[in-house]
Protein backbone atom coordinates (compact mmCIF):
# COMPACT_ATOMS: atom_id res chain seq x y z
CA MET A 1 131.59 102.22 81.31
CA GLN A 2 132.92 104.79 83.80
CA PRO A 3 135.59 103.80 86.46
CA PHE A 4 133.93 102.43 89.54
CA LYS A 5 134.83 100.82 92.86
CA TYR A 6 131.56 99.01 93.69
CA ALA A 7 128.76 97.64 91.62
CA ILE A 8 125.03 97.08 92.23
CA PHE A 9 122.74 94.94 89.89
CA GLY A 10 119.02 95.43 89.95
CA PHE A 11 116.26 93.33 88.44
CA GLU A 12 112.57 93.89 88.14
CA ILE A 13 110.08 92.37 85.72
CA GLY A 14 109.09 94.88 83.12
CA ALA A 15 105.54 93.72 82.85
CA LEU A 16 104.84 94.65 86.51
CA PRO A 17 101.92 97.16 86.87
CA ALA A 18 103.02 100.67 87.06
CA GLU A 19 102.23 101.00 90.66
CA GLN A 20 104.44 98.12 91.58
CA GLN A 21 107.50 99.35 89.71
CA ILE A 22 110.09 100.73 92.06
CA LEU A 23 113.58 99.97 90.69
CA ALA A 24 113.95 103.01 88.55
CA ARG A 25 113.00 105.32 91.35
CA ILE A 26 115.51 103.60 93.73
CA SER A 27 118.23 103.87 91.22
CA ARG A 28 117.64 107.65 90.89
CA GLU A 29 117.50 107.96 94.60
CA PHE A 30 120.67 106.18 95.16
CA LEU A 31 122.35 108.98 93.17
CA LYS A 32 121.89 111.17 96.24
CA GLN A 33 123.91 108.66 98.44
CA PRO A 34 127.62 109.28 99.30
CA MET A 35 128.74 105.97 97.74
CA SER A 36 127.09 106.55 94.44
CA LYS A 37 130.02 108.39 93.00
CA ASP A 38 132.15 105.26 93.12
CA THR A 39 129.40 102.79 92.26
CA LEU A 40 128.12 101.42 89.05
CA PHE A 41 124.31 100.71 89.15
CA GLN A 42 123.02 98.51 86.36
CA TRP A 43 119.41 97.11 86.15
CA ALA A 44 117.28 95.25 83.81
CA ASN A 45 113.67 94.23 83.26
CA ASN A 46 114.27 90.71 81.72
CA LEU A 47 117.00 88.17 81.50
CA GLU A 48 117.64 89.01 77.89
CA ASP A 49 118.55 92.62 78.71
CA ALA A 50 120.45 91.59 81.92
CA ALA A 51 122.86 89.25 80.08
CA PRO A 52 124.75 91.90 78.12
CA LEU A 53 124.97 94.17 81.09
CA ILE A 54 126.40 91.49 83.16
CA ASP A 55 128.74 90.31 80.41
CA GLN A 56 129.95 93.96 80.06
CA PHE A 57 130.63 94.17 83.80
CA LYS A 58 132.53 90.86 84.00
CA ALA A 59 134.65 91.84 80.98
CA LYS A 60 135.56 95.08 82.76
CA THR A 61 136.31 93.50 86.12
CA CYS A 62 137.92 90.24 85.06
CA GLY A 63 134.83 88.20 86.23
CA SER A 64 134.20 89.98 89.59
CA ALA A 65 130.91 89.43 91.49
CA TYR A 66 128.51 92.41 92.16
CA ASN A 67 128.74 93.95 95.56
CA VAL A 68 124.99 94.20 96.10
CA ALA A 69 121.99 93.04 94.24
CA LEU A 70 118.50 94.61 94.28
CA ILE A 71 115.84 92.16 93.04
CA ASN A 72 112.05 92.75 92.85
CA ILE A 73 110.45 89.23 93.37
CA ASN A 74 107.01 90.42 92.48
CA GLN A 75 105.87 88.21 89.48
CA LEU A 76 109.39 86.64 89.16
CA ALA A 77 108.81 83.53 87.08
CA SER A 78 110.38 80.81 89.12
CA ASP A 79 112.87 80.08 91.83
CA GLN A 80 115.10 78.73 88.99
CA GLU A 81 115.25 82.14 87.55
CA LEU A 82 116.19 83.71 90.95
CA SER A 83 118.81 80.96 91.43
CA PHE A 84 120.20 81.65 88.10
CA LEU A 85 120.62 85.35 88.80
CA LEU A 86 122.30 84.95 92.22
CA SER A 87 124.58 82.17 91.02
CA GLY A 88 128.36 82.48 91.25
CA ARG A 89 128.79 82.66 87.53
CA VAL A 90 126.16 85.34 87.12
CA LEU A 91 125.88 88.01 89.90
CA GLY A 92 128.15 86.10 92.40
CA ASP A 93 125.60 85.54 95.26
CA PRO A 94 125.94 89.02 96.68
CA ARG A 95 124.07 90.53 99.54
CA THR A 96 120.72 91.17 98.24
CA VAL A 97 117.69 93.46 98.96
CA PHE A 98 114.63 91.52 97.85
CA LEU A 99 111.65 93.74 97.15
CA ALA A 100 108.15 92.28 97.49
CA SER A 101 104.49 93.27 98.22
CA LEU A 102 102.56 91.12 100.74
CA ARG A 103 100.67 89.31 98.00
CA PHE A 104 103.99 87.58 96.97
CA PHE A 105 105.04 86.40 100.42
CA GLN A 106 104.57 82.80 99.47
CA GLY A 107 105.76 80.25 97.01
CA PRO A 108 109.06 79.00 95.96
CA VAL A 109 110.65 82.39 94.91
CA TYR A 110 109.84 83.88 98.35
CA SER A 111 111.08 80.74 100.05
CA MET A 112 114.46 80.92 98.30
CA ALA A 113 114.82 84.65 99.20
CA ARG A 114 114.05 83.92 102.83
CA GLU A 115 116.34 81.02 103.03
CA LYS A 116 119.17 83.15 101.57
CA VAL A 117 118.54 85.83 104.28
CA GLU A 118 118.29 83.29 107.19
CA ARG A 119 121.40 81.45 106.07
CA GLU A 120 123.45 84.60 105.97
CA ALA A 121 122.06 85.79 109.22
CA GLU A 122 122.98 82.49 110.88
CA THR A 123 126.52 82.66 109.53
CA LEU A 124 127.06 86.20 110.68
CA ALA A 125 125.74 85.32 114.18
CA ALA A 126 127.85 82.17 114.38
CA THR A 127 131.11 83.84 113.32
CA ALA A 128 130.58 87.21 114.93
CA ALA A 129 131.60 88.80 111.60
CA TYR A 130 131.07 92.41 110.78
CA GLY A 131 128.15 93.17 108.35
CA ALA A 132 124.52 92.43 107.62
CA PRO A 133 122.77 89.68 105.79
CA SER A 134 120.56 90.07 102.74
CA CYS A 135 116.94 91.29 103.61
CA ILE A 136 113.41 91.21 102.28
CA GLU A 137 111.98 94.69 102.08
CA THR A 138 108.21 95.14 101.60
CA TYR A 139 106.44 97.90 99.80
CA ALA A 140 103.10 99.04 98.56
CA PRO A 141 101.95 101.70 96.15
CA ILE A 142 100.78 103.86 99.14
CA ASP A 143 104.16 104.02 100.70
CA LEU A 144 106.64 104.34 97.76
CA ASP A 145 107.72 107.82 98.94
CA GLU A 146 109.03 106.29 102.14
CA ARG A 147 110.22 102.97 100.87
CA VAL A 148 112.34 104.37 97.92
CA PRO A 149 114.72 106.50 99.97
CA SER A 150 114.94 103.94 102.75
CA VAL A 151 116.08 101.23 100.28
CA ALA A 152 118.59 103.66 98.69
CA ARG A 153 119.97 104.32 102.12
CA LEU A 154 120.23 100.63 102.75
CA LEU A 155 122.15 99.92 99.54
CA ASN A 156 124.52 102.80 100.44
CA ALA A 157 124.98 101.21 103.89
CA TYR A 158 125.95 97.86 102.47
CA LEU A 159 128.63 99.53 100.44
CA GLU A 160 129.85 101.65 103.35
CA ASP A 161 130.23 98.40 105.39
CA GLU A 162 132.27 96.87 102.53
CA ASP A 163 134.42 100.09 102.42
CA LEU A 164 134.92 99.92 106.14
CA ARG A 165 136.07 96.33 105.98
CA ALA A 166 138.58 97.21 103.35
CA LYS A 167 140.03 100.17 105.23
CA SER A 168 140.11 98.01 108.41
CA ARG A 169 142.33 95.33 106.60
CA GLN A 170 144.58 98.06 105.40
CA THR A 171 144.98 100.03 108.65
CA MET A 172 144.37 97.25 111.18
CA GLN A 173 141.89 99.53 112.91
CA SER A 174 138.90 97.85 114.66
CA LEU A 175 135.43 98.03 113.03
CA PRO A 176 132.36 99.53 114.66
CA ARG A 177 130.40 97.29 116.91
CA ILE A 178 127.33 97.20 114.59
CA SER A 179 127.43 97.58 110.83
CA LYS A 180 125.59 100.46 109.20
CA ALA A 181 123.38 98.20 107.19
CA ALA A 182 122.51 96.11 110.35
CA GLU A 183 121.63 99.32 112.14
CA LEU A 184 119.24 100.43 109.36
CA MET A 185 117.56 97.09 109.49
CA ARG A 186 117.24 97.09 113.26
CA GLN A 187 115.43 100.43 112.93
CA SER A 188 113.19 99.26 110.15
CA THR A 189 109.55 98.11 110.60
CA THR A 190 109.27 96.55 107.11
CA ALA A 191 112.53 94.57 106.48
CA PHE A 192 112.85 90.83 107.25
CA PHE A 193 116.49 90.01 108.00
CA GLY A 194 116.57 86.63 109.77
CA ARG A 195 115.20 84.93 112.80
CA ARG A 196 118.32 85.00 114.98
CA ALA A 197 118.24 86.69 118.25
CA ALA A 198 120.70 89.46 118.97
CA SER A 199 124.29 88.36 118.90
CA LYS A 200 126.16 88.77 122.17
CA THR A 201 128.98 90.43 120.17
CA GLY A 202 126.59 92.98 118.76
CA SER A 203 127.68 92.11 115.24
CA PHE A 204 124.12 91.54 114.05
CA PRO A 205 121.23 92.48 116.15
CA ALA A 206 117.71 91.30 115.33
CA VAL A 207 114.86 93.71 115.87
CA GLY A 208 112.01 93.37 118.27
CA GLY A 209 113.68 91.04 120.78
CA ALA A 210 115.64 91.01 123.98
CA PRO A 211 119.07 89.43 124.23
CA GLY A 212 118.79 85.65 124.26
CA SER A 213 115.25 85.54 122.86
CA ARG A 214 114.35 83.85 119.60
CA SER A 215 112.39 86.83 118.12
CA SER A 216 112.43 87.19 114.44
CA GLY A 217 113.23 90.20 112.16
CA ARG A 218 110.07 92.26 111.98
CA LEU A 219 107.24 91.21 109.77
CA PRO A 220 105.74 93.77 107.36
CA LYS A 221 102.92 95.97 108.61
CA ILE A 222 101.87 97.37 105.22
CA ILE A 223 99.00 96.48 102.98
CA PRO A 224 99.76 95.83 99.34
C-alpha cells in the first residue's frame, strides 16, 4: 500500500448488469483529479472482498475512518448491509456519495441513504459548519459519460474541503463562504443533498429555492 493522505472506499454489487456498473469508471476518472495523488481509492463488489481491503487500511492507519465513501445502492441486499458498511467500526460513517438509478428510489436501503443525507444537511445548517453533507446521485446508462466525471469531481471536492479545513486549523485563516462540494451539488440537476433551505451563513445552500424557503435538493430528471 502506497503512502496516502486521504482514502475513499467504493462498493458496488458485482452482479449488477453491465450497463448499471459505474464504480470502475469513476475510480479511473478520479485519477485525473488533483487530490488523487494523495488518495487511496479502494473498492469491492461484495462484502467478502471488502473485508480484507478494509482490514488492510485499518492496519495501515491505526483504525482510521475513510474520508469518503462511494456506494452504489442498486440491488444492495438490505439496509442492514448498508448500515454495516457505514458503521464506525467498518468505514467510519464518512460522507458518502450514494449512486442509484430511479428504479431503486424506494425501499429501506434508499430510505437509510436519504436519512443520512438529510441528517447531515440539518447538522450543517444548524451549526453553520463548513462543508457538505452526503448526497444521492442518480445515473442511467444513457448518461454515464456525463455522470462519471461529475461524480469524480465531487469526490475530489469533498477531499479538497477536508484539506482546506486542515489548513485553516493550522494557519487560522478563514474558510471560503461555501465549500467546494456544496457548490458542485448546488449546480447539479441530479444530486439530492437534503431538504433544508439555504443557510443564512452560506455554509450549505440548497438548490432550487430562495432564501427562507423550504425547497428541497433537486430531484432527478433522468430516466433509468
